[in-house]
C-alpha atoms as a PDB file:
ATOM      1  CA  MET A   1     105.705 138.999  53.743  1.00  0.00           C
ATOM      2  CA  LEU A   2     105.509 139.401  57.482  1.00  0.00           C
ATOM      3  CA  ALA A   3     104.850 142.789  58.726  1.00  0.00           C
ATOM      4  CA  GLY A   4     107.856 145.069  58.288  1.00  0.00           C
ATOM      5  CA  THR A   5     110.450 142.058  57.582  1.00  0.00           C
ATOM      6  CA  VAL A   6     112.287 141.283  54.333  1.00  0.00           C
ATOM      7  CA  TRP A   7     111.563 137.741  54.584  1.00  0.00           C
ATOM      8  CA  SER A   8     108.137 136.147  53.579  1.00  0.00           C
ATOM      9  CA  LYS A   9     106.611 133.803  56.026  1.00  0.00           C
ATOM     10  CA  ASP A  10     107.539 130.948  53.772  1.00  0.00           C
ATOM     11  CA  HIS A  11     111.260 132.213  53.308  1.00  0.00           C
ATOM     12  CA  PRO A  12     113.350 129.211  54.259  1.00  0.00           C
ATOM     13  CA  LEU A  13     115.344 131.366  56.804  1.00  0.00           C
ATOM     14  CA  ALA A  14     112.183 132.672  58.341  1.00  0.00           C
ATOM     15  CA  GLN A  15     110.865 129.144  58.602  1.00  0.00           C
ATOM     16  CA  GLU A  16     114.094 127.968  60.201  1.00  0.00           C
ATOM     17  CA  PHE A  17     113.850 130.884  62.598  1.00  0.00           C
ATOM     18  CA  ILE A  18     110.289 129.749  63.621  1.00  0.00           C
ATOM     19  CA  ARG A  19     111.339 126.190  63.729  1.00  0.00           C
ATOM     20  CA  ARG A  20     114.119 126.964  66.189  1.00  0.00           C
ATOM     21  CA  ARG A  21     111.768 128.547  68.765  1.00  0.00           C
ATOM     22  CA  ILE A  22     114.284 131.226  69.642  1.00  0.00           C
ATOM     23  CA  SER A  23     114.004 131.930  73.413  1.00  0.00           C
ATOM     24  CA  SER A  24     117.364 133.562  74.387  1.00  0.00           C
ATOM     25  CA  MET A  25     119.909 135.989  72.948  1.00  0.00           C
ATOM     26  CA  GLU A  26     122.214 132.956  72.623  1.00  0.00           C
ATOM     27  CA  ASP A  27     119.533 131.290  70.438  1.00  0.00           C
ATOM     28  CA  PHE A  28     119.564 134.457  68.438  1.00  0.00           C
ATOM     29  CA  ARG A  29     123.207 134.830  68.184  1.00  0.00           C
ATOM     30  CA  ASN A  30     123.582 131.258  67.030  1.00  0.00           C
ATOM     31  CA  PHE A  31     120.746 131.505  64.439  1.00  0.00           C
ATOM     32  CA  ILE A  32     122.393 134.785  63.049  1.00  0.00           C
ATOM     33  CA  GLN A  33     125.955 132.895  62.690  1.00  0.00           C
ATOM     34  CA  TRP A  34     124.021 129.875  61.089  1.00  0.00           C
ATOM     35  CA  ALA A  35     122.067 131.992  58.712  1.00  0.00           C
ATOM     36  CA  LYS A  36     125.306 133.810  57.619  1.00  0.00           C
ATOM     37  CA  LEU A  37     126.601 130.404  56.478  1.00  0.00           C
ATOM     38  CA  GLN A  38     123.749 129.556  54.324  1.00  0.00           C
ATOM     39  CA  ASP A  39     123.244 129.886  50.524  1.00  0.00           C
ATOM     40  CA  PRO A  40     123.509 133.685  49.720  1.00  0.00           C
ATOM     41  CA  ALA A  41     120.701 133.044  47.205  1.00  0.00           C
ATOM     42  CA  LEU A  42     118.531 132.656  50.441  1.00  0.00           C
ATOM     43  CA  SER A  43     119.304 136.278  51.566  1.00  0.00           C
ATOM     44  CA  VAL A  44     117.540 139.383  50.515  1.00  0.00           C
ATOM     45  CA  LYS A  45     119.490 142.233  49.981  1.00  0.00           C
ATOM     46  CA  VAL A  46     118.628 145.560  51.553  1.00  0.00           C
ATOM     47  CA  GLY A  47     120.727 148.513  50.164  1.00  0.00           C
ATOM     48  CA  ASN A  48     124.216 148.169  51.381  1.00  0.00           C
ATOM     49  CA  CYS A  49     123.237 146.871  54.653  1.00  0.00           C
ATOM     50  CA  PRO A  50     125.749 144.015  55.750  1.00  0.00           C
ATOM     51  CA  LEU A  51     124.006 140.398  55.558  1.00  0.00           C
ATOM     52  CA  GLN A  52     124.397 139.970  59.349  1.00  0.00           C
ATOM     53  CA  SER A  53     122.566 143.281  59.796  1.00  0.00           C
ATOM     54  CA  VAL A  54     119.728 142.225  57.559  1.00  0.00           C
ATOM     55  CA  ILE A  55     119.394 138.856  59.483  1.00  0.00           C
ATOM     56  CA  ALA A  56     119.362 140.238  62.798  1.00  0.00           C
ATOM     57  CA  ALA A  57     116.856 142.938  61.716  1.00  0.00           C
ATOM     58  CA  SER A  58     114.527 140.383  60.120  1.00  0.00           C
ATOM     59  CA  GLY A  59     114.786 138.199  63.200  1.00  0.00           C
ATOM     60  CA  ALA A  60     113.954 140.859  65.570  1.00  0.00           C
ATOM     61  CA  LEU A  61     110.887 141.749  63.349  1.00  0.00           C
ATOM     62  CA  LEU A  62     109.811 138.033  63.684  1.00  0.00           C
ATOM     63  CA  LEU A  63     110.146 138.122  67.268  1.00  0.00           C
ATOM     64  CA  LEU A  64     108.000 141.403  67.213  1.00  0.00           C
ATOM     65  CA  ASP A  65     105.390 139.897  65.137  1.00  0.00           C
ATOM     66  CA  THR A  66     105.145 136.834  67.221  1.00  0.00           C
ATOM     67  CA  THR A  67     104.839 139.102  70.552  1.00  0.00           C
ATOM     68  CA  CYS A  68     102.038 141.029  68.742  1.00  0.00           C
ATOM     69  CA  TYR A  69     100.182 137.959  67.779  1.00  0.00           C
ATOM     70  CA  LEU A  70     100.507 136.472  71.401  1.00  0.00           C
ATOM     71  CA  LEU A  71      99.392 139.662  72.961  1.00  0.00           C
ATOM     72  CA  ASP A  72      96.362 139.930  70.754  1.00  0.00           C
ATOM     73  CA  ARG A  73      95.432 136.375  71.749  1.00  0.00           C
ATOM     74  CA  GLN A  74      95.832 137.127  75.355  1.00  0.00           C
ATOM     75  CA  LEU A  75      93.747 140.422  75.153  1.00  0.00           C
ATOM     76  CA  ALA A  76      90.991 138.444  73.472  1.00  0.00           C
ATOM     77  CA  ARG A  77      91.192 135.899  76.353  1.00  0.00           C
ATOM     78  CA  LEU A  78      90.897 138.586  79.052  1.00  0.00           C
ATOM     79  CA  ALA A  79      88.116 140.176  77.128  1.00  0.00           C
ATOM     80  CA  ALA A  80      86.128 136.879  76.953  1.00  0.00           C
ATOM     81  CA  ASP A  81      86.912 136.125  80.447  1.00  0.00           C
ATOM     82  CA  PHE A  82      85.614 139.689  81.591  1.00  0.00           C
ATOM     83  CA  GLU A  83      82.461 139.343  79.640  1.00  0.00           C
ATOM     84  CA  ASN A  84      81.806 135.758  80.994  1.00  0.00           C
ATOM     85  CA  GLU A  85      83.116 136.123  84.646  1.00  0.00           C
ATOM     86  CA  GLY A  86      82.938 139.852  85.237  1.00  0.00           C
ATOM     87  CA  GLY A  87      85.810 142.145  86.438  1.00  0.00           C
ATOM     88  CA  PHE A  88      87.749 141.867  89.583  1.00  0.00           C
ATOM     89  CA  SER A  89      85.601 144.041  91.675  1.00  0.00           C
ATOM     90  CA  GLU A  90      82.407 141.872  90.637  1.00  0.00           C
ATOM     91  CA  ARG A  91      84.348 138.843  91.692  1.00  0.00           C
ATOM     92  CA  MET A  92      85.266 140.274  95.050  1.00  0.00           C
ATOM     93  CA  HIS A  93      81.759 141.310  95.654  1.00  0.00           C
ATOM     94  CA  GLN A  94      80.466 137.608  94.979  1.00  0.00           C
ATOM     95  CA  GLN A  95      83.190 136.506  97.252  1.00  0.00           C
ATOM     96  CA  ARG A  96      81.997 138.835 100.022  1.00  0.00           C
ATOM     97  CA  LEU A  97      78.437 137.717  99.542  1.00  0.00           C
ATOM     98  CA  LYS A  98      79.302 134.020  99.563  1.00  0.00           C
ATOM     99  CA  LYS A  99      81.306 134.403 102.792  1.00  0.00           C
ATOM    100  CA  ARG A 100      78.621 136.429 104.564  1.00  0.00           C
ATOM    101  CA  LYS A 101      75.939 133.602 103.489  1.00  0.00           C
ATOM    102  CA  ASN A 102      78.534 131.059 104.817  1.00  0.00           C
ATOM    103  CA  ASP A 103      78.841 133.034 108.286  1.00  0.00           C
ATOM    104  CA  GLU A 104      75.162 133.023 108.877  1.00  0.00           C
END
């Protein structure tokens, strides 16, 4: 299962959610409406929660999982760039030295 969601990564509704590349509230609402019409056997029951609530919560958790994954990738890239190219102050210092050298 994905972190915190009631759907496994291979669950048909999770796969459809990922395939649709949800990028707006309208897309999210359309997915929920579509998912409610699918075979009830695909749904995972959570206590007495309405099906629409389970779908919405699982979809939100999928979005959060994707966001965390992308942020982890961005942080790893920023760390690598910092190691290879230095920080902002270092780059500014190099630009100042370069300008001084060109002005001479």
